[in-house]
């Protein structure tokens, strides 16, 4: 997905196309959520895109089964800081809600055509600033409703973040409600 977003073809994607991608990724993650799996590396670089923008969540190298509410890897584990929720960065506590945080970052990647997340910041700065409440600003041409959903994915309290099932239905409904309705054709 990241490669597509940054390509000339990707730059032609319209908002409805992006929402369609959002809905598919949320659907795939809702499936993982239902199976008690966490991905831990959800990002545009790990979404495969096929014909007609058919998307599949990929790269399960960091995925784990949740035995209980969360997963705590060894302290030497490495993870992608700019996509990782604060509770996972600071306390090594991964849950499906930390994947929801990553999904919010993925939404930012999609709406900005694959722009770098947290531009101008290194990993240490991201950790400090996010811990102190910083969230990436609303990009130009991003609908307010979409940015509000990103912010809900980035809620400091993991329990207040939406579920992937909710996100899937939200983006599925968003796509339907933004379609142009057919007009009646007048016949003489």
C-alpha atoms as a PDB file:
ATOM      1  CA  UNK A   1       0.000   0.000   0.000  1.00  0.00           C
ATOM      2  CA  UNK A   2       2.777   2.427   0.883  1.00  0.00           C
ATOM      3  CA  UNK A   3       4.393   1.965  -2.519  1.00  0.00           C
ATOM      4  CA  UNK A   4       1.036   2.571  -4.238  1.00  0.00           C
ATOM      5  CA  UNK A   5       0.281   5.689  -2.186  1.00  0.00           C
ATOM      6  CA  UNK A   6       3.606   7.254  -3.141  1.00  0.00           C
ATOM      7  CA  UNK A   7       3.300   6.398  -6.859  1.00  0.00           C
ATOM      8  CA  UNK A   8       1.775   8.489  -9.643  1.00  0.00           C
ATOM      9  CA  UNK A   9      -1.123   6.024  -9.754  1.00  0.00           C
ATOM     10  CA  UNK A  10      -1.623   6.389  -6.009  1.00  0.00           C
ATOM     11  CA  UNK A  11      -1.713  10.173  -6.236  1.00  0.00           C
ATOM     12  CA  UNK A  12      -4.866   9.724  -8.360  1.00  0.00           C
ATOM     13  CA  UNK A  13      -6.742   8.051  -5.495  1.00  0.00           C
ATOM     14  CA  UNK A  14      -9.834   9.947  -4.403  1.00  0.00           C
ATOM     15  CA  UNK A  15     -11.241  10.135  -0.887  1.00  0.00           C
ATOM     16  CA  UNK A  16     -13.758   7.353  -1.613  1.00  0.00           C
ATOM     17  CA  UNK A  17     -10.898   5.092  -2.732  1.00  0.00           C
ATOM     18  CA  UNK A  18      -9.048   5.822   0.490  1.00  0.00           C
ATOM     19  CA  UNK A  19     -12.134   5.144   2.601  1.00  0.00           C
ATOM     20  CA  UNK A  20     -12.587   1.852   0.731  1.00  0.00           C
ATOM     21  CA  UNK A  21      -9.029   0.892   1.714  1.00  0.00           C
ATOM     22  CA  UNK A  22      -9.674   2.011   5.323  1.00  0.00           C
ATOM     23  CA  UNK A  23     -12.790  -0.170   5.465  1.00  0.00           C
ATOM     24  CA  UNK A  24     -10.997  -3.257   4.141  1.00  0.00           C
ATOM     25  CA  UNK A  25      -8.069  -2.931   6.539  1.00  0.00           C
ATOM     26  CA  UNK A  26     -10.465  -2.398   9.459  1.00  0.00           C
ATOM     27  CA  UNK A  27     -12.382  -5.506   8.343  1.00  0.00           C
ATOM     28  CA  UNK A  28      -9.196  -7.579   8.281  1.00  0.00           C
ATOM     29  CA  UNK A  29      -8.204  -6.300  11.694  1.00  0.00           C
ATOM     30  CA  UNK A  30     -11.723  -6.975  13.049  1.00  0.00           C
ATOM     31  CA  UNK A  31     -11.183 -10.590  12.004  1.00  0.00           C
ATOM     32  CA  UNK A  32      -7.904 -10.702  13.951  1.00  0.00           C
ATOM     33  CA  UNK A  33      -9.599  -8.998  16.904  1.00  0.00           C
ATOM     34  CA  UNK A  34     -12.318 -11.671  16.858  1.00  0.00           C
ATOM     35  CA  UNK A  35      -9.651 -14.410  16.828  1.00  0.00           C
ATOM     36  CA  UNK A  36      -7.814 -12.819  19.796  1.00  0.00           C
ATOM     37  CA  UNK A  37      -4.764 -11.946  17.686  1.00  0.00           C
ATOM     38  CA  UNK A  38      -2.707  -8.780  17.751  1.00  0.00           C
ATOM     39  CA  UNK A  39      -0.694  -7.681  14.727  1.00  0.00           C
ATOM     40  CA  UNK A  40       1.813  -5.265  16.371  1.00  0.00           C
ATOM     41  CA  UNK A  41       3.075  -3.922  13.013  1.00  0.00           C
ATOM     42  CA  UNK A  42       0.034  -2.474  11.267  1.00  0.00           C
ATOM     43  CA  UNK A  43       1.245   0.119   8.754  1.00  0.00           C
ATOM     44  CA  UNK A  44       0.793   0.943   5.061  1.00  0.00           C
ATOM     45  CA  UNK A  45       3.984  -0.979   4.265  1.00  0.00           C
ATOM     46  CA  UNK A  46       2.263  -4.141   5.559  1.00  0.00           C
ATOM     47  CA  UNK A  47      -0.939  -3.959   3.519  1.00  0.00           C
ATOM     48  CA  UNK A  48      -1.000  -5.750   0.174  1.00  0.00           C
ATOM     49  CA  UNK A  49      -3.035  -4.199  -2.648  1.00  0.00           C
ATOM     50  CA  UNK A  50      -4.409  -6.147  -5.602  1.00  0.00           C
ATOM     51  CA  UNK A  51      -6.789  -5.524  -8.486  1.00  0.00           C
ATOM     52  CA  UNK A  52      -9.609  -3.032  -7.885  1.00  0.00           C
ATOM     53  CA  UNK A  53      -7.895  -1.840  -4.680  1.00  0.00           C
ATOM     54  CA  UNK A  54      -8.490  -5.171  -2.958  1.00  0.00           C
ATOM     55  CA  UNK A  55      -6.476  -4.935   0.283  1.00  0.00           C
ATOM     56  CA  UNK A  56      -5.132  -7.595   2.625  1.00  0.00           C
ATOM     57  CA  UNK A  57      -3.348  -7.112   5.931  1.00  0.00           C
ATOM     58  CA  UNK A  58       0.055  -8.831   5.674  1.00  0.00           C
ATOM     59  CA  UNK A  59       3.372  -9.369   7.483  1.00  0.00           C
ATOM     60  CA  UNK A  60       2.428 -11.258  10.593  1.00  0.00           C
ATOM     61  CA  UNK A  61       6.008 -11.543  11.834  1.00  0.00           C
ATOM     62  CA  UNK A  62       5.183  -9.690  15.050  1.00  0.00           C
ATOM     63  CA  UNK A  63       1.626 -11.048  15.430  1.00  0.00           C
ATOM     64  CA  UNK A  64       0.734 -12.873  18.638  1.00  0.00           C
ATOM     65  CA  UNK A  65      -2.208 -14.655  20.206  1.00  0.00           C
ATOM     66  CA  UNK A  66      -3.510 -12.739  23.198  1.00  0.00           C
ATOM     67  CA  UNK A  67      -3.763 -14.973  26.236  1.00  0.00           C
ATOM     68  CA  UNK A  68      -5.868 -12.727  28.406  1.00  0.00           C
ATOM     69  CA  UNK A  69      -6.108  -8.999  27.800  1.00  0.00           C
ATOM     70  CA  UNK A  70      -2.604  -8.106  26.657  1.00  0.00           C
ATOM     71  CA  UNK A  71       0.761  -9.383  25.492  1.00  0.00           C
ATOM     72  CA  UNK A  72       4.062  -8.341  27.053  1.00  0.00           C
ATOM     73  CA  UNK A  73       7.085  -9.240  24.919  1.00  0.00           C
ATOM     74  CA  UNK A  74      10.618  -9.480  26.253  1.00  0.00           C
ATOM     75  CA  UNK A  75      12.278  -6.158  26.969  1.00  0.00           C
ATOM     76  CA  UNK A  76      14.715  -6.600  24.068  1.00  0.00           C
ATOM     77  CA  UNK A  77      11.916  -6.647  21.472  1.00  0.00           C
ATOM     78  CA  UNK A  78      12.020  -4.048  18.728  1.00  0.00           C
ATOM     79  CA  UNK A  79       8.929  -2.433  17.275  1.00  0.00           C
ATOM     80  CA  UNK A  80       8.084   0.466  14.919  1.00  0.00           C
ATOM     81  CA  UNK A  81       7.950   3.422  17.327  1.00  0.00           C
ATOM     82  CA  UNK A  82       6.022   5.843  15.103  1.00  0.00           C
ATOM     83  CA  UNK A  83       3.147   3.335  14.758  1.00  0.00           C
ATOM     84  CA  UNK A  84       3.185   2.073  18.340  1.00  0.00           C
ATOM     85  CA  UNK A  85       0.745   3.093  21.066  1.00  0.00           C
ATOM     86  CA  UNK A  86       2.132   4.854  24.168  1.00  0.00           C
ATOM     87  CA  UNK A  87       1.284   1.972  26.535  1.00  0.00           C
ATOM     88  CA  UNK A  88       3.179  -0.407  24.257  1.00  0.00           C
ATOM     89  CA  UNK A  89       6.165   1.948  23.894  1.00  0.00           C
ATOM     90  CA  UNK A  90       6.414   2.782  27.577  1.00  0.00           C
ATOM     91  CA  UNK A  91       5.203  -0.357  29.353  1.00  0.00           C
ATOM     92  CA  UNK A  92       5.648  -3.043  26.670  1.00  0.00           C
ATOM     93  CA  UNK A  93       1.886  -3.726  26.899  1.00  0.00           C
ATOM     94  CA  UNK A  94       0.365  -4.711  23.544  1.00  0.00           C
ATOM     95  CA  UNK A  95      -3.380  -5.232  23.060  1.00  0.00           C
ATOM     96  CA  UNK A  96      -5.809  -5.057  20.178  1.00  0.00           C
ATOM     97  CA  UNK A  97      -6.273  -1.425  21.269  1.00  0.00           C
ATOM     98  CA  UNK A  98      -2.587  -0.758  20.584  1.00  0.00           C
ATOM     99  CA  UNK A  99      -3.287  -2.055  17.062  1.00  0.00           C
ATOM    100  CA  UNK A 100      -6.151   0.479  16.892  1.00  0.00           C
ATOM    101  CA  UNK A 101      -3.581   3.206  17.626  1.00  0.00           C
ATOM    102  CA  UNK A 102      -1.490   1.915  14.712  1.00  0.00           C
ATOM    103  CA  UNK A 103      -4.602   1.947  12.517  1.00  0.00           C
ATOM    104  CA  UNK A 104      -4.964   5.673  13.268  1.00  0.00           C
ATOM    105  CA  UNK A 105      -1.401   6.196  12.025  1.00  0.00           C
ATOM    106  CA  UNK A 106      -2.242   4.104   8.949  1.00  0.00           C
ATOM    107  CA  UNK A 107      -5.226   6.404   8.290  1.00  0.00           C
ATOM    108  CA  UNK A 108      -2.780   9.324   8.337  1.00  0.00           C
ATOM    109  CA  UNK A 109      -0.479   7.518   5.907  1.00  0.00           C
ATOM    110  CA  UNK A 110      -3.368   6.908   3.531  1.00  0.00           C
ATOM    111  CA  UNK A 111      -4.838  10.429   3.554  1.00  0.00           C
ATOM    112  CA  UNK A 112      -1.354  11.951   3.020  1.00  0.00           C
ATOM    113  CA  UNK A 113      -0.434   9.594   0.156  1.00  0.00           C
ATOM    114  CA  UNK A 114       2.247   7.866   2.190  1.00  0.00           C
ATOM    115  CA  UNK A 115       3.912  10.914   3.719  1.00  0.00           C
ATOM    116  CA  UNK A 116       6.309  10.230   6.585  1.00  0.00           C
ATOM    117  CA  UNK A 117       4.618  10.085   9.964  1.00  0.00           C
ATOM    118  CA  UNK A 118       5.733  12.547  12.639  1.00  0.00           C
ATOM    119  CA  UNK A 119       7.852  14.463  10.097  1.00  0.00           C
ATOM    120  CA  UNK A 120      11.036  15.999  11.453  1.00  0.00           C
ATOM    121  CA  UNK A 121      10.949  13.946  14.667  1.00  0.00           C
ATOM    122  CA  UNK A 122      13.197  11.079  15.664  1.00  0.00           C
ATOM    123  CA  UNK A 123      11.895   8.123  17.676  1.00  0.00           C
ATOM    124  CA  UNK A 124      12.864   9.605  21.044  1.00  0.00           C
ATOM    125  CA  UNK A 125      11.050  12.865  20.244  1.00  0.00           C
ATOM    126  CA  UNK A 126       7.956  10.950  19.134  1.00  0.00           C
ATOM    127  CA  UNK A 127       7.883   8.978  22.396  1.00  0.00           C
ATOM    128  CA  UNK A 128       8.266  12.110  24.541  1.00  0.00           C
ATOM    129  CA  UNK A 129       5.797  14.252  22.597  1.00  0.00           C
ATOM    130  CA  UNK A 130       3.106  11.567  22.274  1.00  0.00           C
ATOM    131  CA  UNK A 131       3.421  10.793  25.988  1.00  0.00           C
ATOM    132  CA  UNK A 132       2.813  14.514  26.635  1.00  0.00           C
ATOM    133  CA  UNK A 133      -0.344  14.546  24.504  1.00  0.00           C
ATOM    134  CA  UNK A 134       0.962  15.480  21.055  1.00  0.00           C
ATOM    135  CA  UNK A 135      -0.995  14.092  18.108  1.00  0.00           C
ATOM    136  CA  UNK A 136      -0.184  14.596  14.441  1.00  0.00           C
ATOM    137  CA  UNK A 137      -2.108  17.606  13.109  1.00  0.00           C
ATOM    138  CA  UNK A 138      -4.983  17.385  10.643  1.00  0.00           C
ATOM    139  CA  UNK A 139      -3.553  17.285   7.125  1.00  0.00           C
ATOM    140  CA  UNK A 140      -4.863  19.553   4.369  1.00  0.00           C
ATOM    141  CA  UNK A 141      -7.931  18.196   2.573  1.00  0.00           C
ATOM    142  CA  UNK A 142      -8.622  15.680   5.351  1.00  0.00           C
ATOM    143  CA  UNK A 143     -12.330  15.702   6.267  1.00  0.00           C
ATOM    144  CA  UNK A 144     -13.001  16.688   9.878  1.00  0.00           C
ATOM    145  CA  UNK A 145     -14.862  13.408  10.538  1.00  0.00           C
ATOM    146  CA  UNK A 146     -11.884  11.355   9.369  1.00  0.00           C
ATOM    147  CA  UNK A 147      -9.478  13.334  11.556  1.00  0.00           C
ATOM    148  CA  UNK A 148     -11.808  12.935  14.546  1.00  0.00           C
ATOM    149  CA  UNK A 149     -11.689   9.178  13.968  1.00  0.00           C
ATOM    150  CA  UNK A 150      -7.875   9.297  13.898  1.00  0.00           C
ATOM    151  CA  UNK A 151      -7.916  11.166  17.205  1.00  0.00           C
ATOM    152  CA  UNK A 152     -10.250   8.566  18.723  1.00  0.00           C
ATOM    153  CA  UNK A 153      -7.794   5.853  17.625  1.00  0.00           C
ATOM    154  CA  UNK A 154      -5.072   7.855  19.386  1.00  0.00           C
ATOM    155  CA  UNK A 155      -6.930   8.273  22.676  1.00  0.00           C
ATOM    156  CA  UNK A 156      -4.515   8.130  25.607  1.00  0.00           C
ATOM    157  CA  UNK A 157      -6.854   5.640  27.321  1.00  0.00           C
ATOM    158  CA  UNK A 158      -6.787   2.412  25.275  1.00  0.00           C
ATOM    159  CA  UNK A 159     -10.263   1.449  26.505  1.00  0.00           C
ATOM    160  CA  UNK A 160     -11.717   4.584  24.901  1.00  0.00           C
ATOM    161  CA  UNK A 161     -10.361   3.699  21.456  1.00  0.00           C
ATOM    162  CA  UNK A 162     -12.895   2.180  19.061  1.00  0.00           C
ATOM    163  CA  UNK A 163     -12.972  -1.517  18.229  1.00  0.00           C
ATOM    164  CA  UNK A 164     -12.011  -2.694  14.758  1.00  0.00           C
ATOM    165  CA  UNK A 165     -15.563  -3.946  14.272  1.00  0.00           C
ATOM    166  CA  UNK A 166     -16.804  -0.410  14.918  1.00  0.00           C
ATOM    167  CA  UNK A 167     -14.138   1.052  12.610  1.00  0.00           C
ATOM    168  CA  UNK A 168     -15.042  -1.366   9.818  1.00  0.00           C
ATOM    169  CA  UNK A 169     -18.730  -0.425  10.006  1.00  0.00           C
ATOM    170  CA  UNK A 170     -17.893   3.268  10.325  1.00  0.00           C
ATOM    171  CA  UNK A 171     -15.805   3.289   7.136  1.00  0.00           C
ATOM    172  CA  UNK A 172     -18.206   0.981   5.316  1.00  0.00           C
ATOM    173  CA  UNK A 173     -21.078   3.358   6.157  1.00  0.00           C
ATOM    174  CA  UNK A 174     -18.918   6.417   5.395  1.00  0.00           C
ATOM    175  CA  UNK A 175     -18.275   5.055   1.931  1.00  0.00           C
ATOM    176  CA  UNK A 176     -21.963   4.384   1.261  1.00  0.00           C
ATOM    177  CA  UNK A 177     -23.103   7.765   2.603  1.00  0.00           C
ATOM    178  CA  UNK A 178     -20.582   9.652   0.470  1.00  0.00           C
ATOM    179  CA  UNK A 179     -21.646   8.046  -2.805  1.00  0.00           C
ATOM    180  CA  UNK A 180     -23.485  10.305  -5.224  1.00  0.00           C
ATOM    181  CA  UNK A 181     -27.126   9.241  -5.357  1.00  0.00           C
ATOM    182  CA  UNK A 182     -28.693   8.448  -8.703  1.00  0.00           C
ATOM    183  CA  UNK A 183     -31.022  11.098 -10.090  1.00  0.00           C
ATOM    184  CA  UNK A 184     -34.306  10.322 -11.723  1.00  0.00           C
ATOM    185  CA  UNK A 185     -34.103  10.696 -15.473  1.00  0.00           C
ATOM    186  CA  UNK A 186     -36.885  12.720 -17.042  1.00  0.00           C
ATOM    187  CA  UNK A 187     -38.380  11.094 -20.130  1.00  0.00           C
ATOM    188  CA  UNK A 188     -40.294  13.160 -22.695  1.00  0.00           C
END
